[in-house]
């Protein structure tokens, strides 16, 4: 996160360069989340979820990175749902927690307004999985509730997204059905492969 703050070696001679965290998020937080299986699946996912939130809060509060950077991390978080061919309610709940606590709650109001546009564009994307659509819709809902209004810069995108959803009602119905089944499966702790 902050290579300059790492402990520097003492002694004579050339000092090695500070280590960079290139690919660190992918290697330590994203891949384990998507590859975990077995009896400890939920425990590992919860641990990784809390690690994501801690990381996002640390870069924002401790290292004072601008909150506009959180949007790019939100994309990485949502990408963790891409490998799922099924809607996994537990994975979805973990991703929603990261997006709410780690991303949305740390943003200022102007950044949240931009984040709405970003989420709307994610919904319009053709390569988004049903789980990613559910996460985007729920995060949109949470952000709109936090703001208390539909911002002007989001209104046009919001209208076009709703029109597109109504004109492709079969896709919208599928997403809603999957979301409802995922919520009911969350109580039972299972997966739902509806497509």
N, C-alpha and C. Protein backbone atom coordinates (compact mmCIF):
# COMPACT_ATOMS: atom_id res chain seq x y z
N UNK A 1 0.82 -1.18 0.00
CA UNK A 1 0.00 0.00 0.00
C UNK A 1 0.86 1.25 0.00
N UNK A 2 1.90 1.27 0.83
CA UNK A 2 2.75 2.43 0.92
C UNK A 2 4.20 1.97 1.01
N UNK A 3 4.86 1.71 -0.11
CA UNK A 3 6.21 1.15 -0.10
C UNK A 3 7.23 2.01 0.63
N UNK A 4 7.05 3.34 0.64
CA UNK A 4 8.01 4.21 1.31
C UNK A 4 7.98 4.05 2.82
N UNK A 5 6.89 3.54 3.36
CA UNK A 5 6.77 3.37 4.80
C UNK A 5 7.35 2.05 5.29
N UNK A 6 7.84 1.21 4.39
CA UNK A 6 8.41 -0.07 4.80
C UNK A 6 9.73 0.16 5.52
N UNK A 7 10.04 -0.77 6.41
CA UNK A 7 11.29 -0.69 7.16
C UNK A 7 12.45 -0.83 6.18
N UNK A 8 13.41 0.09 6.28
CA UNK A 8 14.57 0.07 5.40
C UNK A 8 15.69 -0.74 6.05
N UNK A 9 16.41 -1.57 5.29
CA UNK A 9 17.50 -2.36 5.86
C UNK A 9 18.66 -1.46 6.28
N UNK A 10 19.37 -1.88 7.33
CA UNK A 10 20.51 -1.11 7.81
C UNK A 10 21.80 -1.73 7.29
N UNK A 11 22.83 -0.96 7.31
CA UNK A 11 24.12 -1.48 6.89
C UNK A 11 24.64 -0.75 5.68
N UNK A 12 25.78 -1.26 5.19
CA UNK A 12 26.43 -0.64 4.04
C UNK A 12 25.94 -1.28 2.75
N UNK A 13 26.21 -0.61 1.68
CA UNK A 13 25.90 -1.17 0.38
C UNK A 13 24.60 -0.63 -0.18
N UNK A 14 24.32 -1.05 -1.40
CA UNK A 14 23.07 -0.57 -2.03
C UNK A 14 21.85 -1.21 -1.36
N UNK A 15 20.83 -0.40 -1.24
CA UNK A 15 19.60 -0.88 -0.63
C UNK A 15 18.67 -1.40 -1.72
N UNK A 16 18.00 -2.50 -1.45
CA UNK A 16 17.05 -3.01 -2.45
C UNK A 16 15.85 -2.05 -2.54
N UNK A 17 15.24 -1.98 -3.71
CA UNK A 17 14.08 -1.09 -3.85
C UNK A 17 12.91 -1.58 -3.00
N UNK A 18 12.05 -0.65 -2.61
CA UNK A 18 10.87 -1.00 -1.82
C UNK A 18 9.97 -1.93 -2.64
N UNK A 19 9.35 -2.87 -1.97
CA UNK A 19 8.49 -3.84 -2.66
C UNK A 19 7.18 -3.17 -3.06
N UNK A 20 6.74 -3.50 -4.23
CA UNK A 20 5.44 -3.02 -4.72
C UNK A 20 4.43 -4.15 -4.56
N UNK A 21 3.18 -3.79 -4.44
CA UNK A 21 2.13 -4.79 -4.30
C UNK A 21 1.44 -5.09 -5.62
N UNK A 22 2.19 -5.15 -6.69
CA UNK A 22 1.61 -5.46 -8.00
C UNK A 22 0.97 -6.84 -7.95
N UNK A 23 -0.29 -6.91 -8.23
CA UNK A 23 -0.99 -8.18 -8.24
C UNK A 23 -1.29 -8.74 -6.86
N UNK A 24 -0.98 -7.99 -5.82
CA UNK A 24 -1.19 -8.47 -4.46
C UNK A 24 -2.66 -8.67 -4.12
N UNK A 25 -3.50 -7.75 -4.56
CA UNK A 25 -4.93 -7.89 -4.29
C UNK A 25 -5.49 -9.12 -4.98
N UNK A 26 -5.09 -9.30 -6.21
CA UNK A 26 -5.56 -10.47 -6.97
C UNK A 26 -5.09 -11.76 -6.30
N UNK A 27 -3.83 -11.79 -5.92
CA UNK A 27 -3.24 -13.01 -5.38
C UNK A 27 -3.75 -13.34 -3.97
N UNK A 28 -3.89 -12.31 -3.12
CA UNK A 28 -4.19 -12.57 -1.71
C UNK A 28 -5.66 -12.39 -1.32
N UNK A 29 -6.43 -11.64 -2.10
CA UNK A 29 -7.82 -11.41 -1.73
C UNK A 29 -8.83 -11.92 -2.75
N UNK A 30 -8.58 -11.71 -4.03
CA UNK A 30 -9.56 -12.10 -5.04
C UNK A 30 -9.50 -13.60 -5.35
N UNK A 31 -8.32 -14.12 -5.66
CA UNK A 31 -8.20 -15.54 -6.02
C UNK A 31 -8.63 -16.48 -4.90
N UNK A 32 -8.18 -16.26 -3.66
CA UNK A 32 -8.63 -17.18 -2.60
C UNK A 32 -10.15 -17.15 -2.41
N UNK A 33 -10.77 -15.99 -2.61
CA UNK A 33 -12.23 -15.88 -2.47
C UNK A 33 -12.94 -16.74 -3.51
N UNK A 34 -12.43 -16.72 -4.74
CA UNK A 34 -13.10 -17.46 -5.81
C UNK A 34 -12.73 -18.94 -5.83
N UNK A 35 -11.56 -19.30 -5.32
CA UNK A 35 -11.09 -20.68 -5.41
C UNK A 35 -11.41 -21.52 -4.18
N UNK A 36 -11.84 -20.91 -3.10
CA UNK A 36 -12.06 -21.65 -1.86
C UNK A 36 -13.21 -22.64 -2.02
N UNK A 37 -13.07 -23.79 -1.37
CA UNK A 37 -14.13 -24.79 -1.37
C UNK A 37 -13.97 -25.64 -0.12
N UNK A 38 -14.94 -26.48 0.11
CA UNK A 38 -14.84 -27.38 1.24
C UNK A 38 -15.63 -26.92 2.45
N UNK A 39 -15.31 -27.55 3.58
CA UNK A 39 -16.09 -27.31 4.79
C UNK A 39 -15.85 -25.93 5.39
N UNK A 40 -14.70 -25.34 5.14
CA UNK A 40 -14.38 -24.03 5.72
C UNK A 40 -14.65 -22.88 4.75
N UNK A 41 -15.41 -23.14 3.72
CA UNK A 41 -15.69 -22.15 2.68
C UNK A 41 -16.23 -20.85 3.27
N UNK A 42 -17.25 -20.93 4.10
CA UNK A 42 -17.85 -19.72 4.65
C UNK A 42 -16.89 -18.97 5.56
N UNK A 43 -16.14 -19.69 6.38
CA UNK A 43 -15.19 -19.04 7.28
C UNK A 43 -14.11 -18.29 6.50
N UNK A 44 -13.60 -18.93 5.46
CA UNK A 44 -12.55 -18.30 4.65
C UNK A 44 -13.10 -17.08 3.93
N UNK A 45 -14.29 -17.21 3.36
CA UNK A 45 -14.89 -16.07 2.65
C UNK A 45 -15.16 -14.90 3.59
N UNK A 46 -15.63 -15.18 4.79
CA UNK A 46 -15.88 -14.10 5.74
C UNK A 46 -14.56 -13.42 6.12
N UNK A 47 -13.52 -14.20 6.32
CA UNK A 47 -12.21 -13.62 6.63
C UNK A 47 -11.69 -12.75 5.50
N UNK A 48 -11.84 -13.22 4.28
CA UNK A 48 -11.38 -12.43 3.12
C UNK A 48 -12.24 -11.18 2.96
N UNK A 49 -13.53 -11.30 3.22
CA UNK A 49 -14.42 -10.13 3.16
C UNK A 49 -13.98 -9.06 4.14
N UNK A 50 -13.71 -9.46 5.37
CA UNK A 50 -13.25 -8.50 6.38
C UNK A 50 -11.88 -7.93 6.03
N UNK A 51 -11.04 -8.73 5.40
CA UNK A 51 -9.74 -8.22 4.94
C UNK A 51 -9.91 -7.16 3.86
N UNK A 52 -10.84 -7.38 2.94
CA UNK A 52 -11.12 -6.39 1.90
C UNK A 52 -11.57 -5.07 2.54
N UNK A 53 -12.51 -5.17 3.49
CA UNK A 53 -13.03 -3.96 4.13
C UNK A 53 -11.90 -3.24 4.87
N UNK A 54 -11.07 -3.98 5.59
CA UNK A 54 -9.95 -3.37 6.30
C UNK A 54 -9.00 -2.69 5.32
N UNK A 55 -8.69 -3.36 4.22
CA UNK A 55 -7.80 -2.78 3.21
C UNK A 55 -8.37 -1.48 2.66
N UNK A 56 -9.65 -1.50 2.29
CA UNK A 56 -10.27 -0.31 1.71
C UNK A 56 -10.34 0.84 2.72
N UNK A 57 -10.62 0.51 3.97
CA UNK A 57 -10.64 1.56 4.99
C UNK A 57 -9.24 2.08 5.27
N UNK A 58 -8.24 1.22 5.22
CA UNK A 58 -6.87 1.66 5.46
C UNK A 58 -6.37 2.59 4.37
N UNK A 59 -6.63 2.26 3.11
CA UNK A 59 -6.14 3.14 2.05
C UNK A 59 -6.85 4.48 2.07
N UNK A 60 -8.08 4.48 2.55
CA UNK A 60 -8.84 5.74 2.61
C UNK A 60 -8.50 6.56 3.85
N UNK A 61 -8.47 5.92 5.01
CA UNK A 61 -8.31 6.66 6.27
C UNK A 61 -6.86 6.81 6.71
N UNK A 62 -6.06 5.77 6.55
CA UNK A 62 -4.68 5.84 7.01
C UNK A 62 -3.76 6.46 5.98
N UNK A 63 -3.88 6.03 4.73
CA UNK A 63 -2.99 6.53 3.68
C UNK A 63 -3.59 7.69 2.89
N UNK A 64 -4.82 8.08 3.24
CA UNK A 64 -5.48 9.26 2.69
C UNK A 64 -5.57 9.28 1.16
N UNK A 65 -5.82 8.12 0.59
CA UNK A 65 -6.08 8.08 -0.85
C UNK A 65 -7.44 8.72 -1.11
N UNK A 66 -7.63 9.36 -2.25
CA UNK A 66 -8.93 9.98 -2.53
C UNK A 66 -10.03 8.91 -2.66
N UNK A 67 -11.23 9.29 -2.25
CA UNK A 67 -12.32 8.32 -2.29
C UNK A 67 -12.74 7.97 -3.71
N UNK A 68 -12.29 8.73 -4.68
CA UNK A 68 -12.60 8.40 -6.08
C UNK A 68 -11.91 7.10 -6.51
N UNK A 69 -10.82 6.72 -5.84
CA UNK A 69 -10.13 5.47 -6.16
C UNK A 69 -10.94 4.24 -5.75
N UNK A 70 -11.85 4.41 -4.81
CA UNK A 70 -12.63 3.27 -4.33
C UNK A 70 -13.47 2.65 -5.44
N UNK A 71 -13.84 3.46 -6.42
CA UNK A 71 -14.66 2.97 -7.53
C UNK A 71 -13.94 1.86 -8.30
N UNK A 72 -12.64 2.00 -8.51
CA UNK A 72 -11.89 0.96 -9.22
C UNK A 72 -11.78 -0.32 -8.40
N UNK A 73 -11.68 -0.16 -7.08
CA UNK A 73 -11.66 -1.35 -6.23
C UNK A 73 -13.03 -2.03 -6.24
N UNK A 74 -14.10 -1.24 -6.36
CA UNK A 74 -15.44 -1.82 -6.45
C UNK A 74 -15.55 -2.73 -7.67
N UNK A 75 -14.94 -2.32 -8.76
CA UNK A 75 -14.95 -3.15 -9.97
C UNK A 75 -14.22 -4.47 -9.72
N UNK A 76 -13.07 -4.41 -9.03
CA UNK A 76 -12.34 -5.64 -8.71
C UNK A 76 -13.15 -6.55 -7.80
N UNK A 77 -13.86 -5.94 -6.86
CA UNK A 77 -14.69 -6.73 -5.94
C UNK A 77 -15.82 -7.42 -6.71
N UNK A 78 -16.48 -6.68 -7.60
CA UNK A 78 -17.57 -7.28 -8.37
C UNK A 78 -17.07 -8.37 -9.31
N UNK A 79 -15.84 -8.23 -9.79
CA UNK A 79 -15.26 -9.25 -10.67
C UNK A 79 -15.10 -10.59 -9.96
N UNK A 80 -15.07 -10.58 -8.62
CA UNK A 80 -14.94 -11.84 -7.89
C UNK A 80 -16.19 -12.71 -8.05
N UNK A 81 -17.29 -12.12 -8.51
CA UNK A 81 -18.50 -12.89 -8.77
C UNK A 81 -18.52 -13.50 -10.17
N UNK A 82 -17.62 -13.08 -11.04
CA UNK A 82 -17.63 -13.54 -12.43
C UNK A 82 -17.46 -15.05 -12.58
N UNK A 83 -16.56 -15.73 -11.85
CA UNK A 83 -16.37 -17.17 -12.09
C UNK A 83 -17.59 -18.02 -11.72
N UNK A 84 -18.49 -17.49 -10.91
CA UNK A 84 -19.64 -18.29 -10.48
C UNK A 84 -20.61 -18.50 -11.64
N UNK A 85 -20.86 -19.75 -11.96
CA UNK A 85 -21.90 -20.06 -12.94
C UNK A 85 -23.24 -20.13 -12.23
N UNK A 86 -23.22 -20.25 -10.93
CA UNK A 86 -24.42 -20.28 -10.11
C UNK A 86 -24.47 -18.99 -9.29
N UNK A 87 -25.64 -18.63 -8.83
CA UNK A 87 -25.75 -17.51 -7.91
C UNK A 87 -25.53 -18.08 -6.52
N UNK A 88 -24.38 -17.80 -5.97
CA UNK A 88 -24.02 -18.27 -4.64
C UNK A 88 -24.41 -17.18 -3.65
N UNK A 89 -25.41 -17.45 -2.83
CA UNK A 89 -25.95 -16.44 -1.93
C UNK A 89 -24.91 -15.96 -0.93
N UNK A 90 -24.06 -16.86 -0.44
CA UNK A 90 -23.06 -16.45 0.54
C UNK A 90 -22.01 -15.54 -0.10
N UNK A 91 -21.54 -15.90 -1.28
CA UNK A 91 -20.57 -15.05 -1.98
C UNK A 91 -21.18 -13.69 -2.29
N UNK A 92 -22.43 -13.68 -2.71
CA UNK A 92 -23.12 -12.43 -3.01
C UNK A 92 -23.25 -11.56 -1.77
N UNK A 93 -23.59 -12.16 -0.64
CA UNK A 93 -23.71 -11.41 0.61
C UNK A 93 -22.36 -10.81 1.01
N UNK A 94 -21.28 -11.56 0.83
CA UNK A 94 -19.94 -11.05 1.15
C UNK A 94 -19.58 -9.86 0.25
N UNK A 95 -19.86 -9.99 -1.04
CA UNK A 95 -19.55 -8.91 -1.99
C UNK A 95 -20.37 -7.67 -1.66
N UNK A 96 -21.64 -7.86 -1.33
CA UNK A 96 -22.49 -6.72 -0.98
C UNK A 96 -21.97 -6.02 0.27
N UNK A 97 -21.48 -6.78 1.24
CA UNK A 97 -20.91 -6.18 2.46
C UNK A 97 -19.69 -5.33 2.12
N UNK A 98 -18.81 -5.86 1.27
CA UNK A 98 -17.62 -5.10 0.87
C UNK A 98 -18.04 -3.82 0.15
N UNK A 99 -19.00 -3.93 -0.77
CA UNK A 99 -19.42 -2.76 -1.54
C UNK A 99 -20.10 -1.71 -0.67
N UNK A 100 -20.83 -2.14 0.34
CA UNK A 100 -21.50 -1.18 1.22
C UNK A 100 -20.55 -0.56 2.23
N UNK A 101 -19.88 -1.41 3.01
CA UNK A 101 -19.06 -0.91 4.11
C UNK A 101 -17.69 -0.43 3.63
N UNK A 102 -17.08 -1.17 2.72
CA UNK A 102 -15.74 -0.82 2.26
C UNK A 102 -15.70 0.27 1.22
N UNK A 103 -16.77 0.39 0.42
CA UNK A 103 -16.75 1.35 -0.69
C UNK A 103 -17.74 2.48 -0.47
N UNK A 104 -19.03 2.19 -0.52
CA UNK A 104 -20.06 3.23 -0.52
C UNK A 104 -20.04 4.09 0.74
N UNK A 105 -19.93 3.48 1.91
CA UNK A 105 -19.98 4.24 3.15
C UNK A 105 -18.78 5.16 3.34
N UNK A 106 -17.70 4.94 2.62
CA UNK A 106 -16.51 5.78 2.74
C UNK A 106 -16.47 6.91 1.72
N UNK A 107 -17.41 6.91 0.80
CA UNK A 107 -17.42 7.93 -0.25
C UNK A 107 -18.15 9.19 0.22
N UNK A 108 -17.67 10.32 -0.26
CA UNK A 108 -18.38 11.57 -0.04
C UNK A 108 -19.56 11.62 -1.00
N UNK A 109 -20.47 12.56 -0.77
CA UNK A 109 -21.67 12.64 -1.61
C UNK A 109 -21.35 12.84 -3.09
N UNK A 110 -20.43 13.74 -3.47
CA UNK A 110 -20.13 13.88 -4.90
C UNK A 110 -19.58 12.59 -5.53
N UNK A 111 -18.77 11.87 -4.77
CA UNK A 111 -18.22 10.63 -5.29
C UNK A 111 -19.30 9.56 -5.40
N UNK A 112 -20.24 9.55 -4.46
CA UNK A 112 -21.35 8.60 -4.54
C UNK A 112 -22.19 8.86 -5.78
N UNK A 113 -22.34 10.13 -6.14
CA UNK A 113 -23.11 10.47 -7.35
C UNK A 113 -22.41 9.90 -8.59
N UNK A 114 -21.10 10.04 -8.65
CA UNK A 114 -20.35 9.46 -9.76
C UNK A 114 -20.38 7.94 -9.74
N UNK A 115 -20.41 7.38 -8.54
CA UNK A 115 -20.46 5.93 -8.38
C UNK A 115 -21.78 5.37 -8.92
N UNK A 116 -22.86 6.13 -8.79
CA UNK A 116 -24.15 5.70 -9.35
C UNK A 116 -24.05 5.55 -10.87
N UNK A 117 -23.41 6.51 -11.51
CA UNK A 117 -23.24 6.44 -12.97
C UNK A 117 -22.39 5.23 -13.33
N UNK A 118 -21.33 5.01 -12.57
CA UNK A 118 -20.46 3.86 -12.79
C UNK A 118 -21.25 2.55 -12.68
N UNK A 119 -22.07 2.42 -11.64
CA UNK A 119 -22.87 1.20 -11.46
C UNK A 119 -23.90 1.04 -12.57
N UNK A 120 -24.49 2.15 -13.00
CA UNK A 120 -25.45 2.09 -14.11
C UNK A 120 -24.80 1.59 -15.38
N UNK A 121 -23.57 2.03 -15.64
CA UNK A 121 -22.85 1.57 -16.83
C UNK A 121 -22.49 0.09 -16.71
N UNK A 122 -22.23 -0.36 -15.49
CA UNK A 122 -21.96 -1.78 -15.28
C UNK A 122 -23.19 -2.62 -15.62
N UNK A 123 -24.37 -2.10 -15.28
CA UNK A 123 -25.61 -2.82 -15.60
C UNK A 123 -25.85 -2.90 -17.10
N UNK A 124 -25.43 -1.87 -17.82
CA UNK A 124 -25.63 -1.85 -19.27
C UNK A 124 -24.62 -2.71 -20.01
N UNK A 125 -23.54 -3.09 -19.35
CA UNK A 125 -22.49 -3.88 -19.98
C UNK A 125 -23.03 -5.25 -20.38
N UNK A 126 -22.56 -5.75 -21.51
CA UNK A 126 -23.06 -7.03 -22.01
C UNK A 126 -22.38 -8.24 -21.36
N UNK A 127 -21.22 -8.05 -20.74
CA UNK A 127 -20.50 -9.20 -20.19
C UNK A 127 -20.67 -9.34 -18.67
N UNK A 128 -21.76 -8.81 -18.14
CA UNK A 128 -22.02 -8.89 -16.71
C UNK A 128 -22.83 -10.14 -16.41
N UNK A 129 -22.41 -10.88 -15.39
CA UNK A 129 -23.12 -12.10 -14.99
C UNK A 129 -24.35 -11.74 -14.15
N UNK A 130 -25.29 -12.68 -13.99
CA UNK A 130 -26.46 -12.39 -13.15
C UNK A 130 -26.08 -12.00 -11.71
N UNK A 131 -25.08 -12.64 -11.14
CA UNK A 131 -24.65 -12.28 -9.79
C UNK A 131 -24.12 -10.85 -9.74
N UNK A 132 -23.38 -10.46 -10.76
CA UNK A 132 -22.85 -9.10 -10.81
C UNK A 132 -23.98 -8.09 -10.98
N UNK A 133 -25.01 -8.44 -11.75
CA UNK A 133 -26.16 -7.54 -11.91
C UNK A 133 -26.89 -7.36 -10.58
N UNK A 134 -27.05 -8.45 -9.86
CA UNK A 134 -27.71 -8.36 -8.56
C UNK A 134 -26.91 -7.46 -7.62
N UNK A 135 -25.59 -7.67 -7.59
CA UNK A 135 -24.73 -6.84 -6.73
C UNK A 135 -24.81 -5.37 -7.14
N UNK A 136 -24.79 -5.10 -8.43
CA UNK A 136 -24.87 -3.72 -8.91
C UNK A 136 -26.22 -3.10 -8.57
N UNK A 137 -27.31 -3.84 -8.78
CA UNK A 137 -28.64 -3.32 -8.46
C UNK A 137 -28.81 -3.04 -6.97
N UNK A 138 -28.35 -3.94 -6.14
CA UNK A 138 -28.49 -3.74 -4.70
C UNK A 138 -27.60 -2.60 -4.21
N UNK A 139 -26.41 -2.46 -4.79
CA UNK A 139 -25.54 -1.35 -4.41
C UNK A 139 -26.12 -0.03 -4.91
N UNK A 140 -26.70 -0.04 -6.11
CA UNK A 140 -27.41 1.14 -6.61
C UNK A 140 -28.51 1.55 -5.64
N UNK A 141 -29.30 0.59 -5.22
CA UNK A 141 -30.40 0.86 -4.30
C UNK A 141 -29.88 1.45 -2.99
N UNK A 142 -28.83 0.86 -2.45
CA UNK A 142 -28.25 1.33 -1.20
C UNK A 142 -27.69 2.75 -1.35
N UNK A 143 -27.01 3.01 -2.45
CA UNK A 143 -26.43 4.33 -2.67
C UNK A 143 -27.52 5.38 -2.87
N UNK A 144 -28.56 5.04 -3.61
CA UNK A 144 -29.69 5.98 -3.79
C UNK A 144 -30.37 6.26 -2.45
N UNK A 145 -30.51 5.24 -1.63
CA UNK A 145 -31.10 5.43 -0.30
C UNK A 145 -30.21 6.32 0.56
N UNK A 146 -28.90 6.13 0.46
CA UNK A 146 -27.96 6.96 1.21
C UNK A 146 -28.04 8.42 0.77
N UNK A 147 -28.10 8.64 -0.55
CA UNK A 147 -28.17 10.01 -1.07
C UNK A 147 -29.53 10.65 -0.82
N UNK A 148 -30.58 9.86 -0.86
CA UNK A 148 -31.92 10.38 -0.63
C UNK A 148 -32.59 10.99 -1.85
N UNK A 149 -31.92 10.96 -3.00
CA UNK A 149 -32.49 11.51 -4.23
C UNK A 149 -31.78 10.89 -5.43
N UNK A 150 -32.40 11.05 -6.58
CA UNK A 150 -31.76 10.63 -7.83
C UNK A 150 -31.04 11.84 -8.39
N UNK A 151 -29.70 11.83 -8.41
CA UNK A 151 -28.96 12.98 -8.91
C UNK A 151 -29.23 13.24 -10.39
N UNK A 152 -29.12 14.49 -10.80
CA UNK A 152 -29.37 14.86 -12.20
C UNK A 152 -28.44 14.14 -13.16
N UNK A 153 -27.16 14.00 -12.79
CA UNK A 153 -26.20 13.36 -13.70
C UNK A 153 -26.50 11.87 -13.88
N UNK A 154 -27.27 11.30 -12.97
CA UNK A 154 -27.62 9.88 -13.06
C UNK A 154 -29.00 9.68 -13.69
N UNK A 155 -29.82 10.72 -13.70
CA UNK A 155 -31.21 10.59 -14.15
C UNK A 155 -31.33 10.05 -15.57
N UNK A 156 -30.55 10.57 -16.51
CA UNK A 156 -30.64 10.10 -17.90
C UNK A 156 -30.23 8.64 -18.02
N UNK A 157 -29.13 8.28 -17.36
CA UNK A 157 -28.68 6.89 -17.38
C UNK A 157 -29.70 5.99 -16.69
N UNK A 158 -30.26 6.47 -15.60
CA UNK A 158 -31.28 5.72 -14.86
C UNK A 158 -32.50 5.45 -15.74
N UNK A 159 -32.95 6.49 -16.43
CA UNK A 159 -34.11 6.34 -17.32
C UNK A 159 -33.82 5.35 -18.45
N UNK A 160 -32.65 5.44 -19.06
CA UNK A 160 -32.32 4.53 -20.16
C UNK A 160 -32.16 3.09 -19.67
N UNK A 161 -31.63 2.93 -18.46
CA UNK A 161 -31.48 1.59 -17.89
C UNK A 161 -32.84 0.97 -17.61
N UNK A 162 -33.75 1.76 -17.06
CA UNK A 162 -35.09 1.25 -16.77
C UNK A 162 -35.81 0.91 -18.08
N UNK A 163 -35.70 1.78 -19.08
CA UNK A 163 -36.34 1.52 -20.38
C UNK A 163 -35.77 0.24 -20.99
N UNK A 164 -34.46 0.07 -20.91
CA UNK A 164 -33.83 -1.14 -21.45
C UNK A 164 -34.30 -2.38 -20.68
N UNK A 165 -34.42 -2.24 -19.37
CA UNK A 165 -34.86 -3.37 -18.56
C UNK A 165 -36.30 -3.75 -18.88
N UNK A 166 -37.15 -2.74 -19.08
CA UNK A 166 -38.55 -3.02 -19.40
C UNK A 166 -38.67 -3.63 -20.79
N UNK A 167 -37.87 -3.14 -21.74
CA UNK A 167 -37.95 -3.69 -23.09
C UNK A 167 -37.36 -5.09 -23.19
N UNK A 168 -36.50 -5.45 -22.25
CA UNK A 168 -35.95 -6.81 -22.18
C UNK A 168 -36.43 -7.45 -20.88
N UNK A 169 -37.73 -7.49 -20.71
CA UNK A 169 -38.29 -7.93 -19.44
C UNK A 169 -37.94 -9.38 -19.12
N UNK A 170 -37.68 -10.21 -20.11
CA UNK A 170 -37.33 -11.59 -19.81
C UNK A 170 -36.00 -11.65 -19.06
N UNK A 171 -35.03 -10.80 -19.44
CA UNK A 171 -33.76 -10.75 -18.72
C UNK A 171 -33.97 -10.23 -17.31
N UNK A 172 -34.79 -9.18 -17.18
CA UNK A 172 -35.06 -8.61 -15.87
C UNK A 172 -35.78 -9.63 -14.98
N UNK A 173 -36.75 -10.34 -15.54
CA UNK A 173 -37.45 -11.36 -14.78
C UNK A 173 -36.49 -12.44 -14.31
N UNK A 174 -35.56 -12.83 -15.17
CA UNK A 174 -34.58 -13.85 -14.79
C UNK A 174 -33.72 -13.38 -13.64
N UNK A 175 -33.26 -12.13 -13.70
CA UNK A 175 -32.42 -11.59 -12.63
C UNK A 175 -33.21 -11.52 -11.33
N UNK A 176 -34.46 -11.07 -11.39
CA UNK A 176 -35.28 -10.97 -10.19
C UNK A 176 -35.56 -12.35 -9.61
N UNK A 177 -35.86 -13.32 -10.44
CA UNK A 177 -36.10 -14.68 -9.97
C UNK A 177 -34.85 -15.24 -9.32
N UNK A 178 -33.71 -15.05 -9.95
CA UNK A 178 -32.45 -15.54 -9.39
C UNK A 178 -32.17 -14.85 -8.06
N UNK A 179 -32.42 -13.55 -7.98
CA UNK A 179 -32.18 -12.82 -6.74
C UNK A 179 -33.09 -13.34 -5.64
N UNK A 180 -34.37 -13.54 -5.93
CA UNK A 180 -35.30 -14.06 -4.94
C UNK A 180 -34.88 -15.45 -4.46
N UNK A 181 -34.48 -16.30 -5.40
CA UNK A 181 -34.05 -17.64 -5.01
C UNK A 181 -32.75 -17.61 -4.23
N UNK A 182 -31.87 -16.68 -4.58
CA UNK A 182 -30.61 -16.56 -3.85
C UNK A 182 -30.87 -16.13 -2.41
N UNK A 183 -31.81 -15.22 -2.21
CA UNK A 183 -32.15 -14.79 -0.86
C UNK A 183 -32.73 -15.95 -0.06
N UNK A 184 -33.61 -16.73 -0.68
CA UNK A 184 -34.18 -17.87 0.03
C UNK A 184 -33.13 -18.94 0.28
N UNK A 185 -32.18 -19.09 -0.65
CA UNK A 185 -31.11 -20.07 -0.46
C UNK A 185 -30.13 -19.62 0.62
N UNK A 186 -29.99 -18.30 0.81
CA UNK A 186 -29.08 -17.80 1.83
C UNK A 186 -29.48 -18.33 3.19
N UNK A 187 -30.78 -18.44 3.43
CA UNK A 187 -31.26 -18.98 4.69
C UNK A 187 -30.86 -20.44 4.84
N UNK A 188 -30.85 -21.16 3.73
CA UNK A 188 -30.47 -22.57 3.75
C UNK A 188 -28.99 -22.78 3.51
N UNK A 189 -28.27 -21.72 3.10
CA UNK A 189 -26.84 -21.80 2.89
C UNK A 189 -26.42 -22.49 1.61
N UNK A 190 -27.30 -22.59 0.64
CA UNK A 190 -26.95 -23.31 -0.58
C UNK A 190 -26.71 -22.41 -1.76
N UNK A 191 -26.56 -23.03 -2.91
CA UNK A 191 -26.37 -22.31 -4.16
C UNK A 191 -27.61 -22.51 -5.02
N UNK A 192 -27.75 -21.62 -5.99
CA UNK A 192 -28.83 -21.79 -6.95
C UNK A 192 -28.26 -21.62 -8.34
N UNK A 193 -28.39 -22.65 -9.15
CA UNK A 193 -27.96 -22.59 -10.54
C UNK A 193 -29.21 -22.52 -11.39
N UNK A 194 -29.65 -21.31 -11.71
CA UNK A 194 -30.92 -21.16 -12.41
C UNK A 194 -30.78 -21.03 -13.90
N UNK A 195 -29.59 -20.84 -14.42
CA UNK A 195 -29.43 -20.61 -15.86
C UNK A 195 -28.73 -21.78 -16.49
